[in-house]
Every structure is written in structure tokens, then in C-alpha cells.
C-alpha atoms as a PDB file:
ATOM      1  CA  MET A   1     118.002 111.071 136.593  1.00  0.00           C
ATOM      2  CA  PRO A   2     115.452 111.199 133.699  1.00  0.00           C
ATOM      3  CA  ALA A   3     113.763 107.947 132.842  1.00  0.00           C
ATOM      4  CA  ALA A   4     114.879 106.272 129.819  1.00  0.00           C
ATOM      5  CA  PRO A   5     112.278 106.349 126.873  1.00  0.00           C
ATOM      6  CA  ARG A   6     110.038 103.533 126.647  1.00  0.00           C
ATOM      7  CA  LYS A   7     110.668 100.751 124.158  1.00  0.00           C
ATOM      8  CA  LEU A   8     108.323 100.720 121.218  1.00  0.00           C
ATOM      9  CA  SER A   9     106.004  97.740 121.061  1.00  0.00           C
ATOM     10  CA  PRO A  10     106.009  95.453 117.943  1.00  0.00           C
ATOM     11  CA  GLN A  11     102.569  97.003 117.194  1.00  0.00           C
ATOM     12  CA  SER A  12     103.890 100.634 117.525  1.00  0.00           C
ATOM     13  CA  LEU A  13     106.711  99.706 115.156  1.00  0.00           C
ATOM     14  CA  ALA A  14     104.365  98.311 112.711  1.00  0.00           C
ATOM     15  CA  VAL A  15     102.460 101.552 112.646  1.00  0.00           C
ATOM     16  CA  LEU A  16     105.579 103.716 112.244  1.00  0.00           C
ATOM     17  CA  GLU A  17     106.743 101.363 109.327  1.00  0.00           C
ATOM     18  CA  VAL A  18     103.468 101.854 107.477  1.00  0.00           C
ATOM     19  CA  LEU A  19     103.687 105.652 107.949  1.00  0.00           C
ATOM     20  CA  HIS A  20     107.332 105.784 106.862  1.00  0.00           C
ATOM     21  CA  GLY A  21     107.962 107.295 103.498  1.00  0.00           C
ATOM     22  CA  ARG A  22     104.185 108.257 103.095  1.00  0.00           C
ATOM     23  CA  GLU A  23     102.202 111.412 103.389  1.00  0.00           C
ATOM     24  CA  TRP A  24      98.890 111.450 105.349  1.00  0.00           C
ATOM     25  CA  LEU A  25      97.144 108.308 105.898  1.00  0.00           C
ATOM     26  CA  TYR A  26      93.792 107.646 107.447  1.00  0.00           C
ATOM     27  CA  GLY A  27      93.528 105.252 110.452  1.00  0.00           C
ATOM     28  CA  LEU A  28      91.510 102.902 108.430  1.00  0.00           C
ATOM     29  CA  GLU A  29      94.422 102.735 105.835  1.00  0.00           C
ATOM     30  CA  VAL A  30      96.888 102.085 108.768  1.00  0.00           C
ATOM     31  CA  SER A  31      94.497  99.406 110.187  1.00  0.00           C
ATOM     32  CA  ALA A  32      94.449  97.666 106.809  1.00  0.00           C
ATOM     33  CA  ALA A  33      98.087  97.747 106.366  1.00  0.00           C
ATOM     34  CA  THR A  34      98.960  96.505 109.889  1.00  0.00           C
ATOM     35  CA  GLY A  35      95.962  94.164 110.563  1.00  0.00           C
ATOM     36  CA  LEU A  36      95.477  96.091 113.724  1.00  0.00           C
ATOM     37  CA  LYS A  37      91.856  96.495 115.050  1.00  0.00           C
ATOM     38  CA  SER A  38      90.699  99.859 115.808  1.00  0.00           C
ATOM     39  CA  GLY A  39      90.616  99.049 119.629  1.00  0.00           C
ATOM     40  CA  SER A  40      94.380  98.525 119.500  1.00  0.00           C
ATOM     41  CA  LEU A  41      95.274 100.964 116.735  1.00  0.00           C
ATOM     42  CA  TYR A  42      93.783 104.264 117.992  1.00  0.00           C
ATOM     43  CA  PRO A  43      95.352 104.062 121.523  1.00  0.00           C
ATOM     44  CA  ILE A  44      98.761 103.384 119.746  1.00  0.00           C
ATOM     45  CA  LEU A  45      98.223 106.487 117.358  1.00  0.00           C
ATOM     46  CA  ILE A  46      97.272 108.695 120.358  1.00  0.00           C
ATOM     47  CA  ARG A  47     100.397 107.510 122.277  1.00  0.00           C
ATOM     48  CA  LEU A  48     102.720 108.019 119.253  1.00  0.00           C
ATOM     49  CA  ALA A  49     101.399 111.363 118.750  1.00  0.00           C
ATOM     50  CA  ASP A  50     101.910 112.291 122.426  1.00  0.00           C
ATOM     51  CA  ARG A  51     105.474 111.207 122.304  1.00  0.00           C
ATOM     52  CA  GLY A  52     105.873 113.439 119.032  1.00  0.00           C
ATOM     53  CA  LEU A  53     106.624 110.348 116.808  1.00  0.00           C
ATOM     54  CA  LEU A  54     103.821 111.184 114.514  1.00  0.00           C
ATOM     55  CA  GLU A  55     101.426 114.060 113.753  1.00  0.00           C
ATOM     56  CA  SER A  56      97.684 114.035 113.244  1.00  0.00           C
ATOM     57  CA  ARG A  57      95.198 116.363 111.683  1.00  0.00           C
ATOM     58  CA  TRP A  58      91.810 116.673 110.349  1.00  0.00           C
ATOM     59  CA  LEU A  59      91.556 116.403 106.580  1.00  0.00           C
ATOM     60  CA  GLU A  60      88.533 117.967 104.750  1.00  0.00           C
ATOM     61  CA  PRO A  61      86.511 115.319 102.957  1.00  0.00           C
ATOM     62  CA  GLU A  62      87.183 114.569  99.248  1.00  0.00           C
ATOM     63  CA  ARG A  63      83.230 114.470  98.523  1.00  0.00           C
ATOM     64  CA  PRO A  64      80.690 117.042  99.789  1.00  0.00           C
ATOM     65  CA  GLY A  65      78.362 115.696 102.663  1.00  0.00           C
ATOM     66  CA  ARG A  66      81.287 113.385 104.075  1.00  0.00           C
ATOM     67  CA  PRO A  67      82.734 114.151 107.478  1.00  0.00           C
ATOM     68  CA  ALA A  68      86.280 115.490 107.962  1.00  0.00           C
ATOM     69  CA  ARG A  69      88.642 112.563 108.730  1.00  0.00           C
ATOM     70  CA  HIS A  70      91.548 112.283 110.991  1.00  0.00           C
ATOM     71  CA  ALA A  71      94.913 111.513 109.232  1.00  0.00           C
ATOM     72  CA  TYR A  72      98.420 110.730 110.448  1.00  0.00           C
ATOM     73  CA  ARG A  73     102.104 111.007 109.298  1.00  0.00           C
ATOM     74  CA  ILE A  74     105.422 110.080 110.877  1.00  0.00           C
ATOM     75  CA  THR A  75     107.621 112.984 112.187  1.00  0.00           C
ATOM     76  CA  GLY A  76     111.341 113.237 112.042  1.00  0.00           C
ATOM     77  CA  ALA A  77     111.484 111.951 115.595  1.00  0.00           C
ATOM     78  CA  GLY A  78     109.368 108.940 114.542  1.00  0.00           C
ATOM     79  CA  ARG A  79     111.718 108.257 111.657  1.00  0.00           C
ATOM     80  CA  SER A  80     114.628 108.397 114.256  1.00  0.00           C
ATOM     81  CA  ALA A  81     112.938 106.131 116.703  1.00  0.00           C
ATOM     82  CA  LEU A  82     112.204 103.632 113.819  1.00  0.00           C
ATOM     83  CA  ALA A  83     115.817 103.711 112.520  1.00  0.00           C
ATOM     84  CA  ALA A  84     116.958 103.015 116.090  1.00  0.00           C
ATOM     85  CA  ALA A  85     114.531 100.091 116.545  1.00  0.00           C
ATOM     86  CA  ARG A  86     115.788  98.641 113.381  1.00  0.00           C
ATOM     87  CA  ARG A  87     119.451  98.669 114.384  1.00  0.00           C
ATOM     88  CA  PRO A  88     120.645  95.526 116.162  1.00  0.00           C
ATOM     89  CA  SER A  89     121.067  95.963 119.869  1.00  0.00           C
ATOM     90  CA  THR A  90     124.722  96.431 120.849  1.00  0.00           C
ATOM     91  CA  THR A  91     123.909  94.600 124.183  1.00  0.00           C
ATOM     92  CA  LEU A  92     122.976  91.504 122.329  1.00  0.00           C
ATOM     93  CA  ALA A  93     125.726  91.922 119.730  1.00  0.00           C
ATOM     94  CA  LEU A  94     128.339  91.914 122.731  1.00  0.00           C
ATOM     95  CA  GLY A  95     126.728  88.894 124.264  1.00  0.00           C
ATOM     96  CA  GLY A  96     125.073  90.808 127.044  1.00  0.00           C
ATOM     97  CA  ILE A  97     127.995  92.668 128.373  1.00  0.00           C
END
């Protein structure tokens, strides 16, 4: 029997919330919006990308002489996971039955 997908952490949900409804955001922008430090944020971004909940790509710099930057956006699967997490749990609604 396949393992059930892991429940998303509150921090992972915060990252998906920030990316929801937006185009590409840089990690620094996600960090500013969530309050997560880079040591927590970047492993979360990698895990979410590995699970197919967000995608990442390198964006060319806006000004010459600056390095390319990694940017992130939510995928359809990420939007579905976020919507599922927002729904009340049927187990809790039924009193744990």
C-alpha cells in the first residue's frame, strides 16, 4: 500500500500562501513575506519543488553585472494542496470518528 502524502507544515503552507496568485518571486521576497529565515526557507522551497508543489527557475538579472537569481511559483498541484489544507478536516468535524 502506498504511503499517504505527508501533511504540510505550517511553514510550508505559509510559503504556498505567499506564492498563491502571484507570478515568480525570489526567495528573498518569500522570506520577507513569511518571516522565515534562509536556513528554514530554502530547505522548504527545495522540498516543495521536489514534491511538485512549486517550480523554480533562474531569472536573468534586471541590471547588467548582477547575478541571475532563483525564483519560485506555485504549481497546480501546489494550489490543490493549499486548498485541501484550507478545508476543515472531516475527521475533526465528525468528532474523531
